[in-house]
């Protein structure tokens, strides 16, 4: 579910500007020789990994107080 949310962000605009950060991460992944054996889709998931992990945490253990979702 978290990965799908991140993919939707990529396709339709992100709630915060992560484009440069993801591009920097992707550049760091792609210079590794092993990255040639990994599909482009999987390299994109690696670049977005921190956001996927954080969203997974929020989905599995949502805050107990009501927060504005845009604030997350």
PDB file of N, CA and C in Angstrom:
ATOM      1  N   UNK A   1       0.823  -1.177   0.000  1.00  0.00           N
ATOM      2  CA  UNK A   1       0.000   0.000   0.000  1.00  0.00           C
ATOM      3  C   UNK A   1       0.884   1.263   0.000  1.00  0.00           C
ATOM      4  N   UNK A   2       1.924   1.252   0.830  1.00  0.00           N
ATOM      5  CA  UNK A   2       2.817   2.408   0.898  1.00  0.00           C
ATOM      6  C   UNK A   2       3.530   2.625  -0.435  1.00  0.00           C
ATOM      7  N   UNK A   3       3.989   1.539  -1.044  1.00  0.00           N
ATOM      8  CA  UNK A   3       4.657   1.660  -2.337  1.00  0.00           C
ATOM      9  C   UNK A   3       3.702   2.226  -3.379  1.00  0.00           C
ATOM     10  N   UNK A   4       2.446   1.824  -3.362  1.00  0.00           N
ATOM     11  CA  UNK A   4       1.440   2.331  -4.296  1.00  0.00           C
ATOM     12  C   UNK A   4       1.222   3.830  -4.089  1.00  0.00           C
ATOM     13  N   UNK A   5       1.190   4.275  -2.846  1.00  0.00           N
ATOM     14  CA  UNK A   5       1.036   5.703  -2.554  1.00  0.00           C
ATOM     15  C   UNK A   5       2.206   6.483  -3.147  1.00  0.00           C
ATOM     16  N   UNK A   6       3.416   5.973  -2.945  1.00  0.00           N
ATOM     17  CA  UNK A   6       4.601   6.638  -3.474  1.00  0.00           C
ATOM     18  C   UNK A   6       4.571   6.655  -5.001  1.00  0.00           C
ATOM     19  N   UNK A   7       4.148   5.556  -5.608  1.00  0.00           N
ATOM     20  CA  UNK A   7       4.030   5.522  -7.068  1.00  0.00           C
ATOM     21  C   UNK A   7       3.014   6.554  -7.550  1.00  0.00           C
ATOM     22  N   UNK A   8       1.907   6.704  -6.823  1.00  0.00           N
ATOM     23  CA  UNK A   8       0.903   7.710  -7.183  1.00  0.00           C
ATOM     24  C   UNK A   8       1.480   9.115  -7.060  1.00  0.00           C
ATOM     25  N   UNK A   9       2.300   9.343  -6.023  1.00  0.00           N
ATOM     26  CA  UNK A   9       2.966  10.638  -5.886  1.00  0.00           C
ATOM     27  C   UNK A   9       3.813  10.914  -7.111  1.00  0.00           C
ATOM     28  N   UNK A  10       4.552   9.927  -7.548  1.00  0.00           N
ATOM     29  CA  UNK A  10       5.436  10.102  -8.705  1.00  0.00           C
ATOM     30  C   UNK A  10       4.644  10.467  -9.952  1.00  0.00           C
ATOM     31  N   UNK A  11       3.488   9.867 -10.103  1.00  0.00           N
ATOM     32  CA  UNK A  11       2.690  10.055 -11.312  1.00  0.00           C
ATOM     33  C   UNK A  11       1.876  11.350 -11.301  1.00  0.00           C
ATOM     34  N   UNK A  12       1.417  11.761 -10.128  1.00  0.00           N
ATOM     35  CA  UNK A  12       0.452  12.865 -10.102  1.00  0.00           C
ATOM     36  C   UNK A  12       0.872  14.054  -9.250  1.00  0.00           C
ATOM     37  N   UNK A  13       2.069  14.074  -8.777  1.00  0.00           N
ATOM     38  CA  UNK A  13       2.518  15.192  -7.954  1.00  0.00           C
ATOM     39  C   UNK A  13       2.627  14.787  -6.502  1.00  0.00           C
ATOM     40  N   UNK A  14       3.680  15.249  -5.882  1.00  0.00           N
ATOM     41  CA  UNK A  14       3.971  14.855  -4.509  1.00  0.00           C
ATOM     42  C   UNK A  14       3.470  15.907  -3.533  1.00  0.00           C
ATOM     43  N   UNK A  15       3.091  15.485  -2.333  1.00  0.00           N
ATOM     44  CA  UNK A  15       2.639  16.455  -1.338  1.00  0.00           C
ATOM     45  C   UNK A  15       3.785  17.366  -0.891  1.00  0.00           C
ATOM     46  N   UNK A  16       5.011  16.883  -1.004  1.00  0.00           N
ATOM     47  CA  UNK A  16       6.202  17.694  -0.759  1.00  0.00           C
ATOM     48  C   UNK A  16       7.151  17.437  -1.925  1.00  0.00           C
ATOM     49  N   UNK A  17       8.064  18.348  -2.157  1.00  0.00           N
ATOM     50  CA  UNK A  17       8.946  18.216  -3.305  1.00  0.00           C
ATOM     51  C   UNK A  17      10.080  17.249  -3.006  1.00  0.00           C
ATOM     52  N   UNK A  18       9.937  16.018  -3.461  1.00  0.00           N
ATOM     53  CA  UNK A  18      10.958  14.997  -3.285  1.00  0.00           C
ATOM     54  C   UNK A  18      11.692  14.684  -4.583  1.00  0.00           C
ATOM     55  N   UNK A  19      11.335  15.360  -5.658  1.00  0.00           N
ATOM     56  CA  UNK A  19      11.906  15.048  -6.958  1.00  0.00           C
ATOM     57  C   UNK A  19      13.416  15.086  -6.976  1.00  0.00           C
ATOM     58  N   UNK A  20      14.029  16.151  -6.456  1.00  0.00           N
ATOM     59  CA  UNK A  20      15.484  16.259  -6.464  1.00  0.00           C
ATOM     60  C   UNK A  20      16.111  15.208  -5.557  1.00  0.00           C
ATOM     61  N   UNK A  21      15.518  15.003  -4.404  1.00  0.00           N
ATOM     62  CA  UNK A  21      16.045  13.989  -3.471  1.00  0.00           C
ATOM     63  C   UNK A  21      16.013  12.604  -4.110  1.00  0.00           C
ATOM     64  N   UNK A  22      14.898  12.251  -4.745  1.00  0.00           N
ATOM     65  CA  UNK A  22      14.795  10.945  -5.400  1.00  0.00           C
ATOM     66  C   UNK A  22      15.790  10.837  -6.545  1.00  0.00           C
ATOM     67  N   UNK A  23      15.948  11.915  -7.313  1.00  0.00           N
ATOM     68  CA  UNK A  23      16.905  11.891  -8.426  1.00  0.00           C
ATOM     69  C   UNK A  23      18.327  11.684  -7.903  1.00  0.00           C
ATOM     70  N   UNK A  24      18.669  12.354  -6.803  1.00  0.00           N
ATOM     71  CA  UNK A  24      20.002  12.180  -6.199  1.00  0.00           C
ATOM     72  C   UNK A  24      20.203  10.748  -5.723  1.00  0.00           C
ATOM     73  N   UNK A  25      19.190  10.189  -5.068  1.00  0.00           N
ATOM     74  CA  UNK A  25      19.291   8.798  -4.597  1.00  0.00           C
ATOM     75  C   UNK A  25      19.426   7.837  -5.765  1.00  0.00           C
ATOM     76  N   UNK A  26      18.634   8.069  -6.802  1.00  0.00           N
ATOM     77  CA  UNK A  26      18.674   7.201  -7.983  1.00  0.00           C
ATOM     78  C   UNK A  26      20.049   7.268  -8.648  1.00  0.00           C
ATOM     79  N   UNK A  27      20.628   8.459  -8.716  1.00  0.00           N
ATOM     80  CA  UNK A  27      21.979   8.596  -9.268  1.00  0.00           C
ATOM     81  C   UNK A  27      22.983   7.776  -8.463  1.00  0.00           C
ATOM     82  N   UNK A  28      22.863   7.803  -7.133  1.00  0.00           N
ATOM     83  CA  UNK A  28      23.785   7.030  -6.285  1.00  0.00           C
ATOM     84  C   UNK A  28      23.598   5.534  -6.487  1.00  0.00           C
ATOM     85  N   UNK A  29      22.364   5.082  -6.694  1.00  0.00           N
ATOM     86  CA  UNK A  29      22.105   3.663  -6.935  1.00  0.00           C
ATOM     87  C   UNK A  29      22.644   3.251  -8.299  1.00  0.00           C
ATOM     88  N   UNK A  30      22.421   4.081  -9.298  1.00  0.00           N
ATOM     89  CA  UNK A  30      22.762   3.705 -10.665  1.00  0.00           C
ATOM     90  C   UNK A  30      24.263   3.646 -10.942  1.00  0.00           C
ATOM     91  N   UNK A  31      25.088   4.276 -10.111  1.00  0.00           N
ATOM     92  CA  UNK A  31      26.540   4.189 -10.337  1.00  0.00           C
ATOM     93  C   UNK A  31      27.102   2.852  -9.863  1.00  0.00           C
ATOM     94  N   UNK A  32      26.346   2.112  -9.080  1.00  0.00           N
ATOM     95  CA  UNK A  32      26.809   0.813  -8.598  1.00  0.00           C
ATOM     96  C   UNK A  32      26.708  -0.215  -9.727  1.00  0.00           C
ATOM     97  N   UNK A  33      27.741  -1.024  -9.866  1.00  0.00           N
ATOM     98  CA  UNK A  33      27.751  -2.035 -10.936  1.00  0.00           C
ATOM     99  C   UNK A  33      26.561  -2.980 -10.825  1.00  0.00           C
ATOM    100  N   UNK A  34      26.178  -3.323  -9.619  1.00  0.00           N
ATOM    101  CA  UNK A  34      25.074  -4.266  -9.417  1.00  0.00           C
ATOM    102  C   UNK A  34      23.743  -3.686  -9.909  1.00  0.00           C
ATOM    103  N   UNK A  35      23.638  -2.371 -10.015  1.00  0.00           N
ATOM    104  CA  UNK A  35      22.365  -1.777 -10.437  1.00  0.00           C
ATOM    105  C   UNK A  35      21.991  -2.168 -11.860  1.00  0.00           C
ATOM    106  N   UNK A  36      22.955  -2.556 -12.662  1.00  0.00           N
ATOM    107  CA  UNK A  36      22.656  -2.979 -14.035  1.00  0.00           C
ATOM    108  C   UNK A  36      21.844  -4.268 -14.063  1.00  0.00           C
ATOM    109  N   UNK A  37      21.872  -5.007 -12.964  1.00  0.00           N
ATOM    110  CA  UNK A  37      21.120  -6.261 -12.862  1.00  0.00           C
ATOM    111  C   UNK A  37      19.730  -6.051 -12.256  1.00  0.00           C
ATOM    112  N   UNK A  38      19.442  -4.821 -11.868  1.00  0.00           N
ATOM    113  CA  UNK A  38      18.175  -4.498 -11.205  1.00  0.00           C
ATOM    114  C   UNK A  38      17.316  -3.703 -12.189  1.00  0.00           C
ATOM    115  N   UNK A  39      16.052  -4.049 -12.277  1.00  0.00           N
ATOM    116  CA  UNK A  39      15.159  -3.345 -13.206  1.00  0.00           C
ATOM    117  C   UNK A  39      15.036  -1.870 -12.826  1.00  0.00           C
ATOM    118  N   UNK A  40      14.679  -1.047 -13.803  1.00  0.00           N
ATOM    119  CA  UNK A  40      14.489   0.383 -13.561  1.00  0.00           C
ATOM    120  C   UNK A  40      13.417   0.618 -12.504  1.00  0.00           C
ATOM    121  N   UNK A  41      12.367  -0.193 -12.540  1.00  0.00           N
ATOM    122  CA  UNK A  41      11.287  -0.058 -11.549  1.00  0.00           C
ATOM    123  C   UNK A  41      11.812  -0.322 -10.142  1.00  0.00           C
ATOM    124  N   UNK A  42      12.611  -1.373  -9.993  1.00  0.00           N
ATOM    125  CA  UNK A  42      13.158  -1.690  -8.674  1.00  0.00           C
ATOM    126  C   UNK A  42      14.158  -0.634  -8.207  1.00  0.00           C
ATOM    127  N   UNK A  43      14.924  -0.054  -9.133  1.00  0.00           N
ATOM    128  CA  UNK A  43      15.838   1.034  -8.758  1.00  0.00           C
ATOM    129  C   UNK A  43      15.037   2.233  -8.267  1.00  0.00           C
ATOM    130  N   UNK A  44      13.892   2.494  -8.889  1.00  0.00           N
ATOM    131  CA  UNK A  44      13.029   3.585  -8.425  1.00  0.00           C
ATOM    132  C   UNK A  44      12.509   3.320  -7.026  1.00  0.00           C
ATOM    133  N   UNK A  45      12.167   2.067  -6.747  1.00  0.00           N
ATOM    134  CA  UNK A  45      11.708   1.714  -5.397  1.00  0.00           C
ATOM    135  C   UNK A  45      12.821   1.910  -4.373  1.00  0.00           C
ATOM    136  N   UNK A  46      14.054   1.600  -4.767  1.00  0.00           N
ATOM    137  CA  UNK A  46      15.184   1.831  -3.866  1.00  0.00           C
ATOM    138  C   UNK A  46      15.339   3.318  -3.567  1.00  0.00           C
ATOM    139  N   UNK A  47      15.187   4.151  -4.577  1.00  0.00           N
ATOM    140  CA  UNK A  47      15.321   5.594  -4.387  1.00  0.00           C
ATOM    141  C   UNK A  47      14.242   6.134  -3.451  1.00  0.00           C
ATOM    142  N   UNK A  48      13.059   5.556  -3.490  1.00  0.00           N
ATOM    143  CA  UNK A  48      11.939   6.013  -2.655  1.00  0.00           C
ATOM    144  C   UNK A  48      11.813   5.230  -1.354  1.00  0.00           C
ATOM    145  N   UNK A  49      12.778   4.369  -1.070  1.00  0.00           N
ATOM    146  CA  UNK A  49      12.687   3.473   0.084  1.00  0.00           C
ATOM    147  C   UNK A  49      12.399   4.193   1.411  1.00  0.00           C
ATOM    148  N   UNK A  50      13.088   5.298   1.748  1.00  0.00           N
ATOM    149  CA  UNK A  50      12.781   5.944   3.040  1.00  0.00           C
ATOM    150  C   UNK A  50      11.321   6.369   3.165  1.00  0.00           C
ATOM    151  N   UNK A  51      10.761   6.906   2.090  1.00  0.00           N
ATOM    152  CA  UNK A  51       9.356   7.324   2.141  1.00  0.00           C
ATOM    153  C   UNK A  51       8.423   6.120   2.239  1.00  0.00           C
ATOM    154  N   UNK A  52       8.753   5.046   1.543  1.00  0.00           N
ATOM    155  CA  UNK A  52       7.942   3.827   1.614  1.00  0.00           C
ATOM    156  C   UNK A  52       7.946   3.277   3.035  1.00  0.00           C
ATOM    157  N   UNK A  53       9.113   3.267   3.666  1.00  0.00           N
ATOM    158  CA  UNK A  53       9.208   2.765   5.047  1.00  0.00           C
ATOM    159  C   UNK A  53       8.393   3.642   5.990  1.00  0.00           C
ATOM    160  N   UNK A  54       8.506   4.953   5.860  1.00  0.00           N
ATOM    161  CA  UNK A  54       7.773   5.858   6.755  1.00  0.00           C
ATOM    162  C   UNK A  54       6.265   5.713   6.557  1.00  0.00           C
ATOM    163  N   UNK A  55       5.825   5.643   5.310  1.00  0.00           N
ATOM    164  CA  UNK A  55       4.393   5.458   5.067  1.00  0.00           C
ATOM    165  C   UNK A  55       3.904   4.116   5.608  1.00  0.00           C
ATOM    166  N   UNK A  56       4.714   3.077   5.462  1.00  0.00           N
ATOM    167  CA  UNK A  56       4.349   1.767   6.006  1.00  0.00           C
ATOM    168  C   UNK A  56       4.148   1.864   7.512  1.00  0.00           C
ATOM    169  N   UNK A  57       5.060   2.554   8.172  1.00  0.00           N
ATOM    170  CA  UNK A  57       4.941   2.739   9.629  1.00  0.00           C
ATOM    171  C   UNK A  57       3.647   3.480   9.973  1.00  0.00           C
ATOM    172  N   UNK A  58       3.343   4.550   9.238  1.00  0.00           N
ATOM    173  CA  UNK A  58       2.123   5.317   9.523  1.00  0.00           C
ATOM    174  C   UNK A  58       0.859   4.517   9.242  1.00  0.00           C
ATOM    175  N   UNK A  59       0.906   3.650   8.230  1.00  0.00           N
ATOM    176  CA  UNK A  59      -0.256   2.817   7.907  1.00  0.00           C
ATOM    177  C   UNK A  59      -0.469   1.758   8.987  1.00  0.00           C
ATOM    178  N   UNK A  60       0.614   1.115   9.409  1.00  0.00           N
ATOM    179  CA  UNK A  60       0.501   0.036  10.387  1.00  0.00           C
ATOM    180  C   UNK A  60       0.314   0.535  11.816  1.00  0.00           C
ATOM    181  N   UNK A  61       0.813   1.719  12.099  1.00  0.00           N
ATOM    182  CA  UNK A  61       0.717   2.267  13.451  1.00  0.00           C
ATOM    183  C   UNK A  61       0.395   3.755  13.362  1.00  0.00           C
ATOM    184  N   UNK A  62      -0.845   4.076  12.981  1.00  0.00           N
ATOM    185  CA  UNK A  62      -1.198   5.484  12.783  1.00  0.00           C
ATOM    186  C   UNK A  62      -1.125   6.257  14.105  1.00  0.00           C
ATOM    187  N   UNK A  63      -0.858   7.561  14.004  1.00  0.00           N
ATOM    188  CA  UNK A  63      -0.836   8.378  15.218  1.00  0.00           C
ATOM    189  C   UNK A  63      -2.166   8.286  15.961  1.00  0.00           C
ATOM    190  N   UNK A  64      -2.104   8.358  17.265  1.00  0.00           N
ATOM    191  CA  UNK A  64      -3.328   8.250  18.062  1.00  0.00           C
ATOM    192  C   UNK A  64      -4.073   9.564  18.121  1.00  0.00           C
ATOM    193  N   UNK A  65      -3.408  10.669  17.865  1.00  0.00           N
ATOM    194  CA  UNK A  65      -4.093  11.947  17.860  1.00  0.00           C
ATOM    195  C   UNK A  65      -4.448  12.311  16.431  1.00  0.00           C
ATOM    196  N   UNK A  66      -5.494  13.068  16.270  1.00  0.00           N
ATOM    197  CA  UNK A  66      -5.914  13.464  14.927  1.00  0.00           C
ATOM    198  C   UNK A  66      -4.925  14.490  14.381  1.00  0.00           C
ATOM    199  N   UNK A  67      -4.340  14.160  13.260  1.00  0.00           N
ATOM    200  CA  UNK A  67      -3.399  15.047  12.587  1.00  0.00           C
ATOM    201  C   UNK A  67      -3.919  15.374  11.197  1.00  0.00           C
ATOM    202  N   UNK A  68      -3.535  16.508  10.718  1.00  0.00           N
ATOM    203  CA  UNK A  68      -3.848  16.862   9.338  1.00  0.00           C
ATOM    204  C   UNK A  68      -2.966  15.986   8.442  1.00  0.00           C
ATOM    205  N   UNK A  69      -3.550  15.150   7.560  1.00  0.00           N
ATOM    206  CA  UNK A  69      -2.745  14.272   6.700  1.00  0.00           C
ATOM    207  C   UNK A  69      -1.690  15.006   5.890  1.00  0.00           C
ATOM    208  N   UNK A  70      -1.958  16.247   5.521  1.00  0.00           N
ATOM    209  CA  UNK A  70      -0.966  17.013   4.768  1.00  0.00           C
ATOM    210  C   UNK A  70       0.239  17.336   5.634  1.00  0.00           C
ATOM    211  N   UNK A  71       0.064  17.317   6.927  1.00  0.00           N
ATOM    212  CA  UNK A  71       1.170  17.580   7.836  1.00  0.00           C
ATOM    213  C   UNK A  71       2.129  16.410   7.965  1.00  0.00           C
ATOM    214  N   UNK A  72       1.674  15.228   7.539  1.00  0.00           N
ATOM    215  CA  UNK A  72       2.530  14.053   7.604  1.00  0.00           C
ATOM    216  C   UNK A  72       3.505  14.074   6.455  1.00  0.00           C
TER     217      UNK A  72
END
